[in-house]
Amino acid sequence: MKKVVFLGAKEIGKECLEFLFERQNSLDYVIVAVGSSPRGNGVREFAKEKGLLMLEDLDMLLDLEFDILFSVQYHAILKKEHINCAREIAFNLHLAPLPEYRGCNQFSFAILNADKEFGVSIHKMDEGIDSGAIAFEKRFIIPKHCFVDELVDLANAAGLTLFCENLEKMLQGQYTLIPQDSITSLRREFHLRNEIHTLKEVHLDSCGGGGL
């Protein structure tokens, strides 16, 4: 029986954890620990309700024996020593297409770039940020006149579907890892969380204002 660790937050993290919990018997694995973040109340409440071990910090991984790690909207960047605790592989569900959009604020930049297509990805975790080889992806057309909130909802729905549809394959090693460097892409962007604040700034001198 394989042993699994789940790290997650937000509503999609809770939904993925619920799906993972419900299929332990049918797919022959056990969740040995769960980690979350300040934005993971739903994840923590579900784990507590089901009596799952909650990780107080990532260093607790060093004392656990487990085969696979799943990360869904977890806030921290895992160090190599934490990733390597997973004897088989560590997966991350990234709510954007790869290699086009690594990092944060991918929804906003996709809208700003007038992209016609978006997507979600499951990739192998490495020491970089969303830079590991891709195991699974799901792409979809961005609707006309789409705002960020709508794109977020679409990506969350696609991400949950991608995770659920491929859980058994991830557990059984039925996937092919595709290095991002081997993929031809017209766009490759990496954004940090604090960049969104700059986008919200309005410079009056550039739009006809400029003082008294």
C-alpha atoms as a PDB file:
ATOM      1  CA  MET A   1       0.000   0.000   0.000  1.00  0.00           C
ATOM      2  CA  LYS A   2       1.427   3.349  -1.052  1.00  0.00           C
ATOM      3  CA  LYS A   3       1.731   6.245   1.374  1.00  0.00           C
ATOM      4  CA  VAL A   4       0.744   9.746   0.322  1.00  0.00           C
ATOM      5  CA  VAL A   5       1.270  13.277   1.648  1.00  0.00           C
ATOM      6  CA  PHE A   6      -0.999  16.129   0.569  1.00  0.00           C
ATOM      7  CA  LEU A   7      -0.139  19.832   0.732  1.00  0.00           C
ATOM      8  CA  GLY A   8      -2.887  22.234  -0.257  1.00  0.00           C
ATOM      9  CA  ALA A   9      -4.999  25.307   0.317  1.00  0.00           C
ATOM     10  CA  LYS A  10      -7.985  27.239  -1.005  1.00  0.00           C
ATOM     11  CA  GLU A  11     -11.204  25.601  -2.159  1.00  0.00           C
ATOM     12  CA  ILE A  12      -9.571  23.538  -4.904  1.00  0.00           C
ATOM     13  CA  GLY A  13      -7.109  22.162  -2.360  1.00  0.00           C
ATOM     14  CA  LYS A  14      -9.983  21.034  -0.169  1.00  0.00           C
ATOM     15  CA  GLU A  15     -11.806  19.456  -3.123  1.00  0.00           C
ATOM     16  CA  CYS A  16      -8.720  17.551  -4.238  1.00  0.00           C
ATOM     17  CA  LEU A  17      -8.101  16.348  -0.674  1.00  0.00           C
ATOM     18  CA  GLU A  18     -11.703  15.148  -0.387  1.00  0.00           C
ATOM     19  CA  PHE A  19     -11.366  13.213  -3.637  1.00  0.00           C
ATOM     20  CA  LEU A  20      -8.042  11.770  -2.480  1.00  0.00           C
ATOM     21  CA  PHE A  21      -9.478  10.742   0.880  1.00  0.00           C
ATOM     22  CA  GLU A  22     -12.525   9.009  -0.610  1.00  0.00           C
ATOM     23  CA  ARG A  23     -10.481   6.756  -2.900  1.00  0.00           C
ATOM     24  CA  GLN A  24      -7.913   5.388  -0.477  1.00  0.00           C
ATOM     25  CA  ASN A  25      -9.433   1.922  -0.286  1.00  0.00           C
ATOM     26  CA  SER A  26     -10.319   1.514  -3.954  1.00  0.00           C
ATOM     27  CA  LEU A  27      -6.877   2.634  -5.165  1.00  0.00           C
ATOM     28  CA  ASP A  28      -4.893   1.035  -2.318  1.00  0.00           C
ATOM     29  CA  TYR A  29      -3.061   3.952  -0.701  1.00  0.00           C
ATOM     30  CA  VAL A  30      -3.201   5.850   2.584  1.00  0.00           C
ATOM     31  CA  ILE A  31      -2.844   9.553   3.372  1.00  0.00           C
ATOM     32  CA  VAL A  32      -0.178   9.783   6.084  1.00  0.00           C
ATOM     33  CA  ALA A  33      -0.127  13.576   6.514  1.00  0.00           C
ATOM     34  CA  VAL A  34      -1.626  16.848   5.318  1.00  0.00           C
ATOM     35  CA  GLY A  35      -0.097  20.322   5.209  1.00  0.00           C
ATOM     36  CA  SER A  36      -1.786  23.631   4.548  1.00  0.00           C
ATOM     37  CA  SER A  37      -1.325  27.406   4.677  1.00  0.00           C
ATOM     38  CA  PRO A  38      -3.045  30.490   6.111  1.00  0.00           C
ATOM     39  CA  ARG A  39      -5.463  30.268   3.175  1.00  0.00           C
ATOM     40  CA  GLY A  40      -6.256  26.627   3.825  1.00  0.00           C
ATOM     41  CA  ASN A  41      -9.014  26.667   6.435  1.00  0.00           C
ATOM     42  CA  GLY A  42     -11.081  24.182   4.461  1.00  0.00           C
ATOM     43  CA  VAL A  43      -8.153  21.787   4.120  1.00  0.00           C
ATOM     44  CA  ARG A  44      -7.346  21.980   7.841  1.00  0.00           C
ATOM     45  CA  GLU A  45     -10.966  21.515   8.897  1.00  0.00           C
ATOM     46  CA  PHE A  46     -11.394  18.464   6.656  1.00  0.00           C
ATOM     47  CA  ALA A  47      -8.129  16.911   7.857  1.00  0.00           C
ATOM     48  CA  LYS A  48      -9.120  17.459  11.480  1.00  0.00           C
ATOM     49  CA  GLU A  49     -12.574  15.994  10.881  1.00  0.00           C
ATOM     50  CA  LYS A  50     -11.050  12.852   9.344  1.00  0.00           C
ATOM     51  CA  GLY A  51      -8.301  12.502  11.940  1.00  0.00           C
ATOM     52  CA  LEU A  52      -5.429  13.066   9.504  1.00  0.00           C
ATOM     53  CA  LEU A  53      -2.015  14.090  10.775  1.00  0.00           C
ATOM     54  CA  MET A  54      -1.430  17.807  10.188  1.00  0.00           C
ATOM     55  CA  LEU A  55       2.073  19.024   9.414  1.00  0.00           C
ATOM     56  CA  GLU A  56       3.144  21.954  11.575  1.00  0.00           C
ATOM     57  CA  ASP A  57       6.040  22.696   9.223  1.00  0.00           C
ATOM     58  CA  LEU A  58       7.728  21.144   6.201  1.00  0.00           C
ATOM     59  CA  ASP A  59      10.592  19.722   8.245  1.00  0.00           C
ATOM     60  CA  MET A  60       8.136  17.162   9.593  1.00  0.00           C
ATOM     61  CA  LEU A  61       8.384  15.535   6.159  1.00  0.00           C
ATOM     62  CA  LEU A  62      11.936  14.490   7.024  1.00  0.00           C
ATOM     63  CA  ASP A  63      10.610  12.106   9.665  1.00  0.00           C
ATOM     64  CA  LEU A  64       7.888  10.559   7.498  1.00  0.00           C
ATOM     65  CA  GLU A  65       8.028   7.599   5.153  1.00  0.00           C
ATOM     66  CA  PHE A  66       5.908   8.148   2.063  1.00  0.00           C
ATOM     67  CA  ASP A  67       5.916   7.463  -1.654  1.00  0.00           C
ATOM     68  CA  ILE A  68       4.083  10.327  -3.366  1.00  0.00           C
ATOM     69  CA  LEU A  69       3.498  13.974  -2.511  1.00  0.00           C
ATOM     70  CA  PHE A  70       0.683  16.033  -4.010  1.00  0.00           C
ATOM     71  CA  SER A  71       0.705  19.835  -3.874  1.00  0.00           C
ATOM     72  CA  VAL A  72      -2.372  21.880  -4.777  1.00  0.00           C
ATOM     73  CA  GLN A  73      -2.146  25.649  -4.271  1.00  0.00           C
ATOM     74  CA  TYR A  74       0.342  25.239  -1.429  1.00  0.00           C
ATOM     75  CA  HIS A  75       1.994  28.549  -0.573  1.00  0.00           C
ATOM     76  CA  ALA A  76       5.598  27.563   0.151  1.00  0.00           C
ATOM     77  CA  ILE A  77       8.397  26.587  -2.224  1.00  0.00           C
ATOM     78  CA  LEU A  78       9.693  23.186  -1.188  1.00  0.00           C
ATOM     79  CA  LYS A  79      13.417  22.680  -0.765  1.00  0.00           C
ATOM     80  CA  LYS A  80      15.185  19.767  -2.414  1.00  0.00           C
ATOM     81  CA  GLU A  81      15.416  17.923   0.900  1.00  0.00           C
ATOM     82  CA  HIS A  82      11.638  18.066   1.289  1.00  0.00           C
ATOM     83  CA  ILE A  83      10.887  17.050  -2.291  1.00  0.00           C
ATOM     84  CA  ASN A  84      13.264  14.100  -2.036  1.00  0.00           C
ATOM     85  CA  CYS A  85      11.354  12.740   0.957  1.00  0.00           C
ATOM     86  CA  ALA A  86       8.846  11.373  -1.565  1.00  0.00           C
ATOM     87  CA  ARG A  87      10.360   8.021  -2.546  1.00  0.00           C
ATOM     88  CA  GLU A  88       8.667   8.018  -5.967  1.00  0.00           C
ATOM     89  CA  ILE A  89       7.687  11.529  -7.012  1.00  0.00           C
ATOM     90  CA  ALA A  90       6.238  14.859  -5.902  1.00  0.00           C
ATOM     91  CA  PHE A  91       3.497  16.383  -8.080  1.00  0.00           C
ATOM     92  CA  ASN A  92       2.223  19.953  -8.226  1.00  0.00           C
ATOM     93  CA  LEU A  93      -1.071  21.054  -9.765  1.00  0.00           C
ATOM     94  CA  HIS A  94      -0.366  24.418 -11.413  1.00  0.00           C
ATOM     95  CA  LEU A  95      -3.387  26.441 -12.465  1.00  0.00           C
ATOM     96  CA  ALA A  96      -1.877  27.682 -15.712  1.00  0.00           C
ATOM     97  CA  PRO A  97      -0.458  26.243 -18.926  1.00  0.00           C
ATOM     98  CA  LEU A  98       3.217  25.314 -18.926  1.00  0.00           C
ATOM     99  CA  PRO A  99       5.727  26.343 -20.076  1.00  0.00           C
ATOM    100  CA  GLU A 100       3.872  29.580 -20.904  1.00  0.00           C
ATOM    101  CA  TYR A 101       3.067  30.803 -17.401  1.00  0.00           C
ATOM    102  CA  ARG A 102       5.144  29.938 -14.360  1.00  0.00           C
ATOM    103  CA  GLY A 103       4.759  31.628 -11.003  1.00  0.00           C
ATOM    104  CA  CYS A 104       1.839  33.791  -9.859  1.00  0.00           C
ATOM    105  CA  ASN A 105      -0.816  36.084 -11.342  1.00  0.00           C
ATOM    106  CA  GLN A 106      -1.021  33.932 -14.450  1.00  0.00           C
ATOM    107  CA  PHE A 107      -4.720  34.714 -14.930  1.00  0.00           C
ATOM    108  CA  SER A 108      -4.160  38.472 -15.032  1.00  0.00           C
ATOM    109  CA  PHE A 109      -1.274  38.249 -17.473  1.00  0.00           C
ATOM    110  CA  ALA A 110      -3.185  35.903 -19.763  1.00  0.00           C
ATOM    111  CA  ILE A 111      -5.964  38.496 -19.968  1.00  0.00           C
ATOM    112  CA  LEU A 112      -3.494  41.356 -20.463  1.00  0.00           C
ATOM    113  CA  ASN A 113      -1.764  39.396 -23.224  1.00  0.00           C
ATOM    114  CA  ALA A 114      -5.120  38.775 -24.952  1.00  0.00           C
ATOM    115  CA  ASP A 115      -4.474  35.035 -24.995  1.00  0.00           C
ATOM    116  CA  LYS A 116      -7.019  32.886 -26.801  1.00  0.00           C
ATOM    117  CA  GLU A 117      -6.177  29.720 -24.874  1.00  0.00           C
ATOM    118  CA  PHE A 118      -5.383  28.842 -21.274  1.00  0.00           C
ATOM    119  CA  GLY A 119      -4.905  25.632 -19.336  1.00  0.00           C
ATOM    120  CA  VAL A 120      -3.787  23.792 -16.223  1.00  0.00           C
ATOM    121  CA  SER A 121      -0.831  21.469 -15.635  1.00  0.00           C
ATOM    122  CA  ILE A 122       0.402  18.751 -13.322  1.00  0.00           C
ATOM    123  CA  HIS A 123       4.178  18.683 -13.186  1.00  0.00           C
ATOM    124  CA  LYS A 124       6.950  16.987 -11.280  1.00  0.00           C
ATOM    125  CA  MET A 125       8.253  19.214  -8.518  1.00  0.00           C
ATOM    126  CA  ASP A 126      11.891  20.285  -8.535  1.00  0.00           C
ATOM    127  CA  GLU A 127      13.876  23.039  -6.839  1.00  0.00           C
ATOM    128  CA  GLY A 128      12.585  25.663  -9.256  1.00  0.00           C
ATOM    129  CA  ILE A 129       9.195  27.343  -9.341  1.00  0.00           C
ATOM    130  CA  ASP A 130       6.795  25.468 -11.645  1.00  0.00           C
ATOM    131  CA  SER A 131       9.781  24.381 -13.714  1.00  0.00           C
ATOM    132  CA  GLY A 132       9.533  20.592 -13.473  1.00  0.00           C
ATOM    133  CA  ALA A 133       8.667  18.193 -16.273  1.00  0.00           C
ATOM    134  CA  ILE A 134       4.984  18.030 -17.225  1.00  0.00           C
ATOM    135  CA  ALA A 135       3.010  14.865 -16.549  1.00  0.00           C
ATOM    136  CA  PHE A 136      -0.525  15.957 -17.502  1.00  0.00           C
ATOM    137  CA  GLU A 137      -2.236  19.057 -18.874  1.00  0.00           C
ATOM    138  CA  LYS A 138      -5.675  20.250 -19.864  1.00  0.00           C
ATOM    139  CA  ARG A 139      -6.251  23.231 -22.150  1.00  0.00           C
ATOM    140  CA  PHE A 140      -9.349  25.248 -22.963  1.00  0.00           C
ATOM    141  CA  ILE A 141     -10.445  28.276 -24.972  1.00  0.00           C
ATOM    142  CA  ILE A 142     -10.722  31.577 -23.103  1.00  0.00           C
ATOM    143  CA  PRO A 143     -14.251  32.961 -23.678  1.00  0.00           C
ATOM    144  CA  LYS A 144     -14.666  36.334 -25.321  1.00  0.00           C
ATOM    145  CA  HIS A 145     -14.777  39.306 -22.938  1.00  0.00           C
ATOM    146  CA  CYS A 146     -13.439  37.088 -20.155  1.00  0.00           C
ATOM    147  CA  PHE A 147     -12.477  38.772 -16.895  1.00  0.00           C
ATOM    148  CA  VAL A 148      -9.934  37.484 -14.410  1.00  0.00           C
ATOM    149  CA  ASP A 149     -12.496  36.097 -11.956  1.00  0.00           C
ATOM    150  CA  GLU A 150     -14.124  34.027 -14.690  1.00  0.00           C
ATOM    151  CA  LEU A 151     -10.764  32.679 -15.850  1.00  0.00           C
ATOM    152  CA  VAL A 152      -9.909  31.752 -12.253  1.00  0.00           C
ATOM    153  CA  ASP A 153     -13.163  29.774 -11.986  1.00  0.00           C
ATOM    154  CA  LEU A 154     -12.529  28.026 -15.312  1.00  0.00           C
ATOM    155  CA  ALA A 155      -8.977  27.098 -14.294  1.00  0.00           C
ATOM    156  CA  ASN A 156     -10.097  25.790 -10.906  1.00  0.00           C
ATOM    157  CA  ALA A 157     -12.725  23.585 -12.547  1.00  0.00           C
ATOM    158  CA  ALA A 158     -10.242  22.310 -15.137  1.00  0.00           C
ATOM    159  CA  GLY A 159      -7.602  21.747 -12.457  1.00  0.00           C
ATOM    160  CA  LEU A 160      -9.920  19.681 -10.293  1.00  0.00           C
ATOM    161  CA  THR A 161     -10.916  17.603 -13.309  1.00  0.00           C
ATOM    162  CA  LEU A 162      -7.276  17.088 -14.311  1.00  0.00           C
ATOM    163  CA  PHE A 163      -6.345  15.938 -10.799  1.00  0.00           C
ATOM    164  CA  CYS A 164      -9.308  13.585 -10.427  1.00  0.00           C
ATOM    165  CA  GLU A 165      -9.035  12.059 -13.908  1.00  0.00           C
ATOM    166  CA  ASN A 166      -5.338  11.284 -13.497  1.00  0.00           C
ATOM    167  CA  LEU A 167      -5.051  10.347  -9.827  1.00  0.00           C
ATOM    168  CA  GLU A 168      -4.879   6.618 -10.519  1.00  0.00           C
ATOM    169  CA  LYS A 169      -2.266   7.142 -13.229  1.00  0.00           C
ATOM    170  CA  MET A 170      -0.126   9.243 -10.892  1.00  0.00           C
ATOM    171  CA  LEU A 171      -0.324   6.568  -8.214  1.00  0.00           C
ATOM    172  CA  GLN A 172       0.551   3.760 -10.611  1.00  0.00           C
ATOM    173  CA  GLY A 173       3.316   5.592 -12.473  1.00  0.00           C
ATOM    174  CA  GLN A 174       1.384   5.656 -15.732  1.00  0.00           C
ATOM    175  CA  TYR A 175       2.672   8.917 -17.155  1.00  0.00           C
ATOM    176  CA  THR A 176       5.412  10.314 -19.357  1.00  0.00           C
ATOM    177  CA  LEU A 177       7.346  13.294 -18.024  1.00  0.00           C
ATOM    178  CA  ILE A 178       7.962  15.944 -20.668  1.00  0.00           C
ATOM    179  CA  PRO A 179      10.739  18.464 -19.866  1.00  0.00           C
ATOM    180  CA  GLN A 180       9.539  22.024 -20.350  1.00  0.00           C
ATOM    181  CA  ASP A 181      12.684  22.917 -22.282  1.00  0.00           C
ATOM    182  CA  SER A 182      11.688  20.391 -24.935  1.00  0.00           C
ATOM    183  CA  ILE A 183       8.381  22.150 -25.654  1.00  0.00           C
ATOM    184  CA  THR A 184       8.142  24.793 -28.356  1.00  0.00           C
ATOM    185  CA  SER A 185       6.201  27.785 -27.065  1.00  0.00           C
ATOM    186  CA  LEU A 186       5.803  31.351 -28.312  1.00  0.00           C
ATOM    187  CA  ARG A 187       5.351  32.600 -24.747  1.00  0.00           C
ATOM    188  CA  ARG A 188       7.369  31.842 -21.620  1.00  0.00           C
ATOM    189  CA  GLU A 189       6.683  34.109 -18.675  1.00  0.00           C
ATOM    190  CA  PHE A 190       7.485  33.968 -14.983  1.00  0.00           C
ATOM    191  CA  HIS A 191       5.762  36.302 -12.534  1.00  0.00           C
ATOM    192  CA  LEU A 192       6.009  36.915  -8.816  1.00  0.00           C
ATOM    193  CA  ARG A 193       3.103  37.500  -6.453  1.00  0.00           C
ATOM    194  CA  ASN A 194       3.944  41.159  -5.777  1.00  0.00           C
ATOM    195  CA  GLU A 195       3.911  42.113  -9.465  1.00  0.00           C
ATOM    196  CA  ILE A 196       0.137  42.447  -9.385  1.00  0.00           C
ATOM    197  CA  HIS A 197       0.415  45.559  -7.194  1.00  0.00           C
ATOM    198  CA  THR A 198       2.392  47.345  -9.905  1.00  0.00           C
ATOM    199  CA  LEU A 199      -0.299  46.509 -12.451  1.00  0.00           C
ATOM    200  CA  LYS A 200      -2.898  48.231 -10.261  1.00  0.00           C
ATOM    201  CA  GLU A 201      -1.005  51.525 -10.166  1.00  0.00           C
ATOM    202  CA  VAL A 202      -2.314  54.386 -12.310  1.00  0.00           C
ATOM    203  CA  HIS A 203       0.269  57.003 -13.317  1.00  0.00           C
ATOM    204  CA  LEU A 204      -1.574  60.262 -13.887  1.00  0.00           C
ATOM    205  CA  ASP A 205       1.217  61.826 -15.926  1.00  0.00           C
ATOM    206  CA  SER A 206       0.793  59.117 -18.550  1.00  0.00           C
ATOM    207  CA  CYS A 207      -2.921  59.736 -19.026  1.00  0.00           C
ATOM    208  CA  GLY A 208      -3.184  63.490 -19.173  1.00  0.00           C
ATOM    209  CA  GLY A 209      -3.051  64.281 -15.453  1.00  0.00           C
ATOM    210  CA  GLY A 210      -0.122  65.693 -13.666  1.00  0.00           C
ATOM    211  CA  GLY A 211      -0.844  68.018 -10.839  1.00  0.00           C
ATOM    212  CA  LEU A 212      -2.062  71.543 -10.376  1.00  0.00           C
END
